[in-house]
Amino acid sequence: MNTLSLTNLGPVTDIPLGEGRTYAVDGDMIAVFRLRNGSLRAVSAVCPHKGGPLADGQIDNSIVVCPLHLFAWDLATGCSQSGQAPISVYPVREDDGQILLGE
């Protein structure tokens, strides 16, 4: 898991359940997902295959699927489910209704 200094990304309500949003943090593009169960996951926002926007991909409670070529990654580990390079995973949590990224 990659480390970043603690960053407040704003209200958790900015991300509807079952969707993702991209944030620029310390020069990196990071996709933060709010799963249907309310938990948060954060990964690299850019697909390593062709640069697709992962925050626009389909998610379930464990994977994100790139909207361009349908490659999939595990949201907890960043490991590819389809033979591609892994993506970075970042610590993220909700605190008092705010999205906190990093440690």
Protein backbone atom coordinates (compact mmCIF):
# COMPACT_ATOMS: atom_id res chain seq x y z
CA MET A 1 0.00 0.00 0.00
CA ASN A 2 1.35 3.42 -0.95
CA THR A 3 1.68 6.12 1.66
CA LEU A 4 0.68 9.76 1.38
CA SER A 5 0.46 12.50 3.96
CA LEU A 6 -3.05 12.72 5.37
CA THR A 7 -5.30 14.69 3.00
CA ASN A 8 -8.95 15.66 3.49
CA LEU A 9 -10.69 15.17 0.13
CA GLY A 10 -14.05 16.58 1.27
CA PRO A 11 -17.44 15.17 2.20
CA VAL A 12 -18.06 11.48 1.62
CA THR A 13 -21.43 12.49 0.15
CA ASP A 14 -19.53 13.90 -2.87
CA ILE A 15 -19.26 10.28 -4.05
CA PRO A 16 -22.60 8.50 -4.56
CA LEU A 17 -22.80 4.89 -3.38
CA GLY A 18 -21.44 2.54 -6.03
CA GLU A 19 -19.39 5.22 -7.82
CA GLY A 20 -15.89 6.68 -7.94
CA ARG A 21 -14.28 10.10 -8.29
CA THR A 22 -10.77 11.18 -9.28
CA TYR A 23 -8.68 13.47 -7.07
CA ALA A 24 -5.27 15.03 -7.72
CA VAL A 25 -3.12 14.51 -4.61
CA ASP A 26 0.60 15.27 -4.35
CA GLY A 27 1.00 15.02 -8.14
CA ASP A 28 -0.84 11.69 -8.40
CA MET A 29 -4.29 11.01 -9.82
CA ILE A 30 -6.19 8.84 -7.33
CA ALA A 31 -9.58 7.21 -7.81
CA VAL A 32 -11.66 6.98 -4.64
CA PHE A 33 -14.62 4.61 -4.68
CA ARG A 34 -17.58 4.52 -2.31
CA LEU A 35 -18.78 0.95 -2.40
CA ARG A 36 -22.45 0.08 -2.09
CA ASN A 37 -21.84 -1.01 1.50
CA GLY A 38 -20.52 2.50 2.26
CA SER A 39 -16.86 1.55 2.59
CA LEU A 40 -14.14 3.44 0.71
CA ARG A 41 -11.30 2.23 -1.52
CA ALA A 42 -8.55 4.29 -3.19
CA VAL A 43 -6.37 3.22 -6.13
CA SER A 44 -4.41 4.79 -8.97
CA ALA A 45 -6.90 6.59 -11.22
CA VAL A 46 -5.12 5.70 -14.46
CA CYS A 47 -5.33 2.30 -16.12
CA PRO A 48 -1.78 1.04 -16.83
CA HIS A 49 -2.94 -0.49 -20.12
CA LYS A 50 -4.02 2.59 -22.13
CA GLY A 51 -4.53 5.33 -19.53
CA GLY A 52 -8.26 4.78 -19.08
CA PRO A 53 -10.12 6.62 -16.29
CA LEU A 54 -10.62 3.96 -13.61
CA ALA A 55 -12.93 6.17 -11.52
CA ASP A 56 -15.43 5.87 -14.41
CA GLY A 57 -15.22 2.06 -14.34
CA GLN A 58 -17.75 -0.40 -13.02
CA ILE A 59 -17.21 -1.60 -9.46
CA ASP A 60 -18.53 -4.20 -7.08
CA ASN A 61 -17.35 -4.80 -3.52
CA SER A 62 -13.95 -6.05 -4.64
CA ILE A 63 -12.97 -5.05 -8.20
CA VAL A 64 -12.93 -2.13 -10.63
CA VAL A 65 -13.29 -2.70 -14.37
CA CYS A 66 -11.66 -0.19 -16.73
CA PRO A 67 -14.30 1.37 -19.00
CA LEU A 68 -12.04 1.28 -22.08
CA HIS A 69 -11.01 -2.36 -22.47
CA LEU A 70 -12.71 -4.13 -19.54
CA PHE A 71 -9.55 -5.09 -17.65
CA ALA A 72 -10.15 -5.61 -13.92
CA TRP A 73 -8.21 -4.93 -10.69
CA ASP A 74 -8.75 -5.89 -7.07
CA LEU A 75 -9.62 -2.73 -5.10
CA ALA A 76 -7.94 -3.97 -1.91
CA THR A 77 -4.63 -5.19 -3.37
CA GLY A 78 -4.31 -3.52 -6.79
CA CYS A 79 -3.63 -6.93 -8.36
CA SER A 80 -4.90 -7.44 -11.88
CA GLN A 81 -7.65 -9.96 -12.45
CA SER A 82 -6.93 -9.96 -16.20
CA GLY A 83 -3.14 -10.21 -16.61
CA GLN A 84 -2.27 -6.49 -16.62
CA ALA A 85 0.24 -4.63 -14.46
CA PRO A 86 -0.93 -3.96 -10.88
CA ILE A 87 -2.23 -0.55 -9.81
CA SER A 88 -1.31 1.37 -6.67
CA VAL A 89 -3.55 1.16 -3.60
CA TYR A 90 -3.82 3.97 -1.03
CA PRO A 91 -5.13 4.04 2.55
CA VAL A 92 -8.48 5.84 2.78
CA ARG A 93 -11.15 6.16 5.44
CA GLU A 94 -14.17 8.19 6.47
CA ASP A 95 -13.96 10.34 9.59
CA ASP A 96 -16.88 12.50 10.70
CA GLY A 97 -18.32 12.48 7.17
CA GLN A 98 -15.02 13.45 5.52
CA ILE A 99 -12.87 11.38 3.14
CA LEU A 100 -9.35 11.10 4.56
CA LEU A 101 -6.67 9.80 2.20
CA GLY A 102 -3.25 8.75 3.44
CA GLU A 103 -1.79 8.14 6.85
